[in-house]
C-alpha atoms as a PDB file:
ATOM      1  CA  UNK A   1      35.090 -36.989 -54.937  1.00  0.00           C
ATOM      2  CA  UNK A   2      32.164 -35.602 -52.906  1.00  0.00           C
ATOM      3  CA  UNK A   3      32.875 -35.248 -49.201  1.00  0.00           C
ATOM      4  CA  UNK A   4      30.902 -36.932 -46.428  1.00  0.00           C
ATOM      5  CA  UNK A   5      29.173 -33.606 -45.725  1.00  0.00           C
ATOM      6  CA  UNK A   6      28.055 -33.428 -49.373  1.00  0.00           C
ATOM      7  CA  UNK A   7      26.724 -36.984 -49.216  1.00  0.00           C
ATOM      8  CA  UNK A   8      24.730 -36.060 -46.115  1.00  0.00           C
ATOM      9  CA  UNK A   9      23.387 -33.011 -47.955  1.00  0.00           C
ATOM     10  CA  UNK A  10      22.335 -35.107 -50.963  1.00  0.00           C
ATOM     11  CA  UNK A  11      20.709 -37.790 -48.796  1.00  0.00           C
ATOM     12  CA  UNK A  12      18.817 -35.116 -46.864  1.00  0.00           C
ATOM     13  CA  UNK A  13      17.571 -33.799 -50.205  1.00  0.00           C
ATOM     14  CA  UNK A  14      16.382 -37.264 -51.153  1.00  0.00           C
ATOM     15  CA  UNK A  15      14.635 -37.573 -47.794  1.00  0.00           C
ATOM     16  CA  UNK A  16      12.762 -34.319 -48.472  1.00  0.00           C
ATOM     17  CA  UNK A  17      11.709 -35.641 -51.888  1.00  0.00           C
ATOM     18  CA  UNK A  18      10.502 -38.886 -50.298  1.00  0.00           C
ATOM     19  CA  UNK A  19       8.344 -36.742 -47.996  1.00  0.00           C
ATOM     20  CA  UNK A  20       6.999 -34.871 -51.024  1.00  0.00           C
ATOM     21  CA  UNK A  21       8.877 -31.646 -50.263  1.00  0.00           C
ATOM     22  CA  UNK A  22      10.174 -29.959 -53.420  1.00  0.00           C
ATOM     23  CA  UNK A  23      12.805 -28.213 -51.285  1.00  0.00           C
ATOM     24  CA  UNK A  24      14.779 -31.434 -51.758  1.00  0.00           C
ATOM     25  CA  UNK A  25      15.553 -30.399 -55.332  1.00  0.00           C
ATOM     26  CA  UNK A  26      17.639 -27.523 -53.957  1.00  0.00           C
ATOM     27  CA  UNK A  27      19.935 -30.019 -52.229  1.00  0.00           C
ATOM     28  CA  UNK A  28      20.572 -32.191 -55.280  1.00  0.00           C
ATOM     29  CA  UNK A  29      22.355 -31.477 -58.531  1.00  0.00           C
ATOM     30  CA  UNK A  30      20.073 -33.205 -61.024  1.00  0.00           C
ATOM     31  CA  UNK A  31      21.726 -31.709 -64.103  1.00  0.00           C
ATOM     32  CA  UNK A  32      23.900 -33.654 -66.545  1.00  0.00           C
ATOM     33  CA  UNK A  33      26.964 -32.576 -64.564  1.00  0.00           C
ATOM     34  CA  UNK A  34      25.276 -33.769 -61.386  1.00  0.00           C
ATOM     35  CA  UNK A  35      24.444 -37.076 -63.067  1.00  0.00           C
ATOM     36  CA  UNK A  36      28.093 -37.647 -64.018  1.00  0.00           C
ATOM     37  CA  UNK A  37      29.231 -36.682 -60.526  1.00  0.00           C
ATOM     38  CA  UNK A  38      26.681 -39.002 -58.917  1.00  0.00           C
ATOM     39  CA  UNK A  39      28.665 -42.038 -60.077  1.00  0.00           C
ATOM     40  CA  UNK A  40      31.028 -41.281 -57.189  1.00  0.00           C
ATOM     41  CA  UNK A  41      28.291 -43.028 -55.209  1.00  0.00           C
ATOM     42  CA  UNK A  42      29.870 -46.298 -56.390  1.00  0.00           C
ATOM     43  CA  UNK A  43      33.075 -45.436 -54.505  1.00  0.00           C
ATOM     44  CA  UNK A  44      31.083 -44.433 -51.422  1.00  0.00           C
ATOM     45  CA  UNK A  45      29.286 -47.796 -51.569  1.00  0.00           C
ATOM     46  CA  UNK A  46      32.511 -49.830 -51.682  1.00  0.00           C
ATOM     47  CA  UNK A  47      32.865 -50.370 -47.884  1.00  0.00           C
ATOM     48  CA  UNK A  48      29.470 -52.122 -47.479  1.00  0.00           C
ATOM     49  CA  UNK A  49      30.048 -53.903 -50.796  1.00  0.00           C
ATOM     50  CA  UNK A  50      33.300 -55.311 -49.395  1.00  0.00           C
ATOM     51  CA  UNK A  51      31.392 -56.498 -46.330  1.00  0.00           C
ATOM     52  CA  UNK A  52      28.904 -58.227 -48.630  1.00  0.00           C
ATOM     53  CA  UNK A  53      31.651 -59.779 -50.771  1.00  0.00           C
ATOM     54  CA  UNK A  54      33.487 -61.137 -47.733  1.00  0.00           C
ATOM     55  CA  UNK A  55      30.254 -62.581 -46.386  1.00  0.00           C
ATOM     56  CA  UNK A  56      29.579 -64.311 -49.704  1.00  0.00           C
ATOM     57  CA  UNK A  57      33.141 -65.622 -49.811  1.00  0.00           C
ATOM     58  CA  UNK A  58      32.853 -67.121 -46.330  1.00  0.00           C
ATOM     59  CA  UNK A  59      29.519 -68.766 -47.190  1.00  0.00           C
ATOM     60  CA  UNK A  60      30.989 -70.047 -50.450  1.00  0.00           C
ATOM     61  CA  UNK A  61      34.008 -71.584 -48.697  1.00  0.00           C
ATOM     62  CA  UNK A  62      31.905 -73.112 -45.906  1.00  0.00           C
ATOM     63  CA  UNK A  63      29.774 -75.059 -48.377  1.00  0.00           C
ATOM     64  CA  UNK A  64      32.539 -75.978 -50.826  1.00  0.00           C
ATOM     65  CA  UNK A  65      35.138 -78.781 -50.743  1.00  0.00           C
ATOM     66  CA  UNK A  66      38.134 -78.098 -48.445  1.00  0.00           C
ATOM     67  CA  UNK A  67      40.553 -77.391 -51.313  1.00  0.00           C
ATOM     68  CA  UNK A  68      38.316 -74.695 -52.883  1.00  0.00           C
ATOM     69  CA  UNK A  69      40.040 -71.385 -53.611  1.00  0.00           C
ATOM     70  CA  UNK A  70      38.320 -67.979 -53.471  1.00  0.00           C
ATOM     71  CA  UNK A  71      41.034 -65.386 -53.970  1.00  0.00           C
ATOM     72  CA  UNK A  72      41.261 -62.132 -55.944  1.00  0.00           C
ATOM     73  CA  UNK A  73      39.475 -63.619 -58.973  1.00  0.00           C
ATOM     74  CA  UNK A  74      36.469 -64.420 -56.772  1.00  0.00           C
ATOM     75  CA  UNK A  75      36.275 -60.785 -55.610  1.00  0.00           C
ATOM     76  CA  UNK A  76      36.729 -59.591 -59.196  1.00  0.00           C
ATOM     77  CA  UNK A  77      33.700 -61.651 -60.225  1.00  0.00           C
ATOM     78  CA  UNK A  78      31.617 -60.154 -57.417  1.00  0.00           C
ATOM     79  CA  UNK A  79      32.734 -56.650 -58.407  1.00  0.00           C
ATOM     80  CA  UNK A  80      31.737 -57.396 -62.009  1.00  0.00           C
ATOM     81  CA  UNK A  81      28.297 -58.580 -60.870  1.00  0.00           C
ATOM     82  CA  UNK A  82      27.717 -55.441 -58.795  1.00  0.00           C
ATOM     83  CA  UNK A  83      28.958 -53.250 -61.636  1.00  0.00           C
ATOM     84  CA  UNK A  84      26.592 -54.868 -64.125  1.00  0.00           C
ATOM     85  CA  UNK A  85      23.730 -54.635 -61.615  1.00  0.00           C
ATOM     86  CA  UNK A  86      24.419 -50.917 -61.232  1.00  0.00           C
ATOM     87  CA  UNK A  87      24.837 -49.972 -64.893  1.00  0.00           C
ATOM     88  CA  UNK A  88      22.391 -52.194 -66.820  1.00  0.00           C
ATOM     89  CA  UNK A  89      19.233 -50.792 -65.136  1.00  0.00           C
ATOM     90  CA  UNK A  90      20.421 -47.261 -65.955  1.00  0.00           C
ATOM     91  CA  UNK A  91      20.875 -48.248 -69.608  1.00  0.00           C
ATOM     92  CA  UNK A  92      17.344 -49.669 -69.615  1.00  0.00           C
ATOM     93  CA  UNK A  93      16.066 -46.442 -68.046  1.00  0.00           C
ATOM     94  CA  UNK A  94      17.757 -44.507 -70.868  1.00  0.00           C
ATOM     95  CA  UNK A  95      15.825 -46.552 -73.451  1.00  0.00           C
ATOM     96  CA  UNK A  96      12.606 -46.100 -71.479  1.00  0.00           C
ATOM     97  CA  UNK A  97      13.145 -42.336 -71.325  1.00  0.00           C
ATOM     98  CA  UNK A  98      13.645 -42.240 -75.097  1.00  0.00           C
ATOM     99  CA  UNK A  99      10.538 -44.348 -75.634  1.00  0.00           C
ATOM    100  CA  UNK A 100       8.370 -42.174 -73.367  1.00  0.00           C
ATOM    101  CA  UNK A 101       9.788 -38.831 -74.470  1.00  0.00           C
ATOM    102  CA  UNK A 102      11.436 -38.160 -71.102  1.00  0.00           C
ATOM    103  CA  UNK A 103      14.997 -37.481 -72.228  1.00  0.00           C
ATOM    104  CA  UNK A 104      15.110 -34.277 -70.183  1.00  0.00           C
ATOM    105  CA  UNK A 105      14.420 -36.233 -66.973  1.00  0.00           C
ATOM    106  CA  UNK A 106      17.086 -38.901 -67.513  1.00  0.00           C
ATOM    107  CA  UNK A 107      19.908 -37.045 -65.741  1.00  0.00           C
ATOM    108  CA  UNK A 108      17.716 -36.385 -62.700  1.00  0.00           C
ATOM    109  CA  UNK A 109      16.610 -40.035 -62.499  1.00  0.00           C
ATOM    110  CA  UNK A 110      20.188 -41.325 -62.687  1.00  0.00           C
ATOM    111  CA  UNK A 111      21.555 -38.820 -60.167  1.00  0.00           C
ATOM    112  CA  UNK A 112      18.764 -39.465 -57.675  1.00  0.00           C
ATOM    113  CA  UNK A 113      18.940 -43.264 -57.972  1.00  0.00           C
ATOM    114  CA  UNK A 114      22.741 -43.260 -57.647  1.00  0.00           C
ATOM    115  CA  UNK A 115      22.694 -41.207 -54.441  1.00  0.00           C
ATOM    116  CA  UNK A 116      19.764 -43.226 -53.074  1.00  0.00           C
ATOM    117  CA  UNK A 117      21.925 -46.340 -53.439  1.00  0.00           C
ATOM    118  CA  UNK A 118      24.314 -45.050 -50.770  1.00  0.00           C
ATOM    119  CA  UNK A 119      22.057 -45.292 -47.669  1.00  0.00           C
ATOM    120  CA  UNK A 120      20.400 -48.465 -48.978  1.00  0.00           C
ATOM    121  CA  UNK A 121      23.759 -50.193 -49.544  1.00  0.00           C
ATOM    122  CA  UNK A 122      24.949 -49.233 -46.061  1.00  0.00           C
ATOM    123  CA  UNK A 123      21.683 -50.617 -44.682  1.00  0.00           C
ATOM    124  CA  UNK A 124      22.344 -53.965 -46.357  1.00  0.00           C
ATOM    125  CA  UNK A 125      25.938 -53.931 -45.138  1.00  0.00           C
ATOM    126  CA  UNK A 126      24.759 -53.327 -41.573  1.00  0.00           C
ATOM    127  CA  UNK A 127      22.354 -56.287 -41.780  1.00  0.00           C
ATOM    128  CA  UNK A 128      25.174 -58.544 -42.994  1.00  0.00           C
ATOM    129  CA  UNK A 129      27.304 -57.512 -40.010  1.00  0.00           C
ATOM    130  CA  UNK A 130      24.404 -58.202 -37.633  1.00  0.00           C
ATOM    131  CA  UNK A 131      23.951 -61.685 -39.135  1.00  0.00           C
ATOM    132  CA  UNK A 132      27.686 -62.342 -38.810  1.00  0.00           C
ATOM    133  CA  UNK A 133      28.239 -61.082 -35.254  1.00  0.00           C
ATOM    134  CA  UNK A 134      24.894 -61.879 -33.587  1.00  0.00           C
ATOM    135  CA  UNK A 135      24.298 -65.649 -33.408  1.00  0.00           C
ATOM    136  CA  UNK A 136      20.737 -66.741 -34.117  1.00  0.00           C
ATOM    137  CA  UNK A 137      19.776 -63.437 -35.739  1.00  0.00           C
ATOM    138  CA  UNK A 138      19.193 -64.888 -39.224  1.00  0.00           C
ATOM    139  CA  UNK A 139      15.389 -64.741 -38.999  1.00  0.00           C
ATOM    140  CA  UNK A 140      15.424 -61.133 -37.799  1.00  0.00           C
ATOM    141  CA  UNK A 141      17.922 -60.162 -40.501  1.00  0.00           C
ATOM    142  CA  UNK A 142      15.755 -61.716 -43.241  1.00  0.00           C
ATOM    143  CA  UNK A 143      12.760 -59.758 -41.935  1.00  0.00           C
ATOM    144  CA  UNK A 144      14.734 -56.515 -41.783  1.00  0.00           C
ATOM    145  CA  UNK A 145      16.131 -57.192 -45.274  1.00  0.00           C
ATOM    146  CA  UNK A 146      12.546 -57.483 -46.551  1.00  0.00           C
ATOM    147  CA  UNK A 147      11.601 -54.177 -44.884  1.00  0.00           C
ATOM    148  CA  UNK A 148      14.693 -52.524 -46.352  1.00  0.00           C
ATOM    149  CA  UNK A 149      13.670 -53.743 -49.813  1.00  0.00           C
ATOM    150  CA  UNK A 150      10.196 -52.279 -49.258  1.00  0.00           C
ATOM    151  CA  UNK A 151      11.816 -49.024 -48.116  1.00  0.00           C
ATOM    152  CA  UNK A 152      13.861 -48.949 -51.330  1.00  0.00           C
ATOM    153  CA  UNK A 153      10.774 -49.467 -53.501  1.00  0.00           C
ATOM    154  CA  UNK A 154       8.786 -46.851 -51.572  1.00  0.00           C
ATOM    155  CA  UNK A 155      11.605 -44.269 -51.511  1.00  0.00           C
ATOM    156  CA  UNK A 156      12.474 -44.714 -55.161  1.00  0.00           C
ATOM    157  CA  UNK A 157       8.822 -44.443 -56.181  1.00  0.00           C
ATOM    158  CA  UNK A 158       8.368 -41.253 -54.146  1.00  0.00           C
ATOM    159  CA  UNK A 159      11.521 -39.664 -55.573  1.00  0.00           C
ATOM    160  CA  UNK A 160      10.548 -40.637 -59.124  1.00  0.00           C
ATOM    161  CA  UNK A 161       7.078 -39.172 -58.574  1.00  0.00           C
ATOM    162  CA  UNK A 162       8.670 -35.859 -57.628  1.00  0.00           C
ATOM    163  CA  UNK A 163      10.858 -35.951 -60.756  1.00  0.00           C
ATOM    164  CA  UNK A 164       8.263 -37.241 -63.232  1.00  0.00           C
ATOM    165  CA  UNK A 165       5.080 -35.790 -61.763  1.00  0.00           C
ATOM    166  CA  UNK A 166       1.860 -37.616 -60.815  1.00  0.00           C
ATOM    167  CA  UNK A 167       2.033 -40.271 -63.530  1.00  0.00           C
ATOM    168  CA  UNK A 168       1.567 -43.595 -61.679  1.00  0.00           C
ATOM    169  CA  UNK A 169       2.209 -45.875 -64.653  1.00  0.00           C
ATOM    170  CA  UNK A 170       5.369 -44.052 -65.702  1.00  0.00           C
ATOM    171  CA  UNK A 171       6.669 -43.931 -62.134  1.00  0.00           C
ATOM    172  CA  UNK A 172       5.933 -47.649 -61.658  1.00  0.00           C
ATOM    173  CA  UNK A 173       7.643 -48.533 -64.950  1.00  0.00           C
ATOM    174  CA  UNK A 174      10.758 -46.538 -64.014  1.00  0.00           C
ATOM    175  CA  UNK A 175      10.916 -48.009 -60.509  1.00  0.00           C
ATOM    176  CA  UNK A 176      10.537 -51.570 -61.800  1.00  0.00           C
ATOM    177  CA  UNK A 177      13.191 -50.935 -64.459  1.00  0.00           C
ATOM    178  CA  UNK A 178      15.632 -49.775 -61.791  1.00  0.00           C
ATOM    179  CA  UNK A 179      14.951 -52.635 -59.347  1.00  0.00           C
ATOM    180  CA  UNK A 180      13.788 -55.847 -61.043  1.00  0.00           C
ATOM    181  CA  UNK A 181      16.555 -56.304 -63.673  1.00  0.00           C
ATOM    182  CA  UNK A 182      19.154 -55.935 -60.930  1.00  0.00           C
ATOM    183  CA  UNK A 183      17.547 -58.694 -58.854  1.00  0.00           C
ATOM    184  CA  UNK A 184      17.272 -61.024 -61.843  1.00  0.00           C
ATOM    185  CA  UNK A 185      20.771 -60.294 -63.118  1.00  0.00           C
ATOM    186  CA  UNK A 186      22.316 -60.821 -59.697  1.00  0.00           C
ATOM    187  CA  UNK A 187      21.015 -64.391 -59.393  1.00  0.00           C
ATOM    188  CA  UNK A 188      21.811 -65.268 -63.006  1.00  0.00           C
ATOM    189  CA  UNK A 189      25.342 -63.877 -62.927  1.00  0.00           C
ATOM    190  CA  UNK A 190      26.181 -65.410 -59.555  1.00  0.00           C
ATOM    191  CA  UNK A 191      25.255 -68.834 -60.921  1.00  0.00           C
ATOM    192  CA  UNK A 192      26.967 -68.269 -64.280  1.00  0.00           C
ATOM    193  CA  UNK A 193      30.226 -67.045 -62.740  1.00  0.00           C
ATOM    194  CA  UNK A 194      30.212 -69.768 -60.100  1.00  0.00           C
ATOM    195  CA  UNK A 195      30.358 -67.562 -57.015  1.00  0.00           C
ATOM    196  CA  UNK A 196      27.604 -69.474 -55.226  1.00  0.00           C
ATOM    197  CA  UNK A 197      27.932 -73.130 -54.177  1.00  0.00           C
END
């Protein structure tokens, strides 16, 4: 598993790419091996995911009848939702790469998006903790969540532009494929699996 120092190195490479500096490519392994290794990002994202799952569980129990149970099966459902939200967009990107003749860029897109998920996920986890521990902060947290979403869209678009070149339509299609299905799937699966009141 990559060390914390390696994660910092990768994130700094992403930051350089966001700024339009090709030096960022030197700090990322965007080969097929690097793509496979980038799935360790899921393990690195587990701590903020657990914060999110516990927050959802507490909200679920607060708005459910007193005898409602939300044990290990509840957490398993949330893990399944996050897993699907992580993998399905990458599968769609694979089809889009085949369709657009960008097979050689697929590994780089996956590796970059996986490592980009680490700081974004920790950002969301931090906002959940603020909402939980700071009374009356809900409005501020919603606003910051919106800005974090904008930061994700902007960062992902900038990184994809560095990988794919100045092709606005292709970059936009890739970014939307990585973001929108996850948002739609999350709501649908949460309702289907009964993890929301």
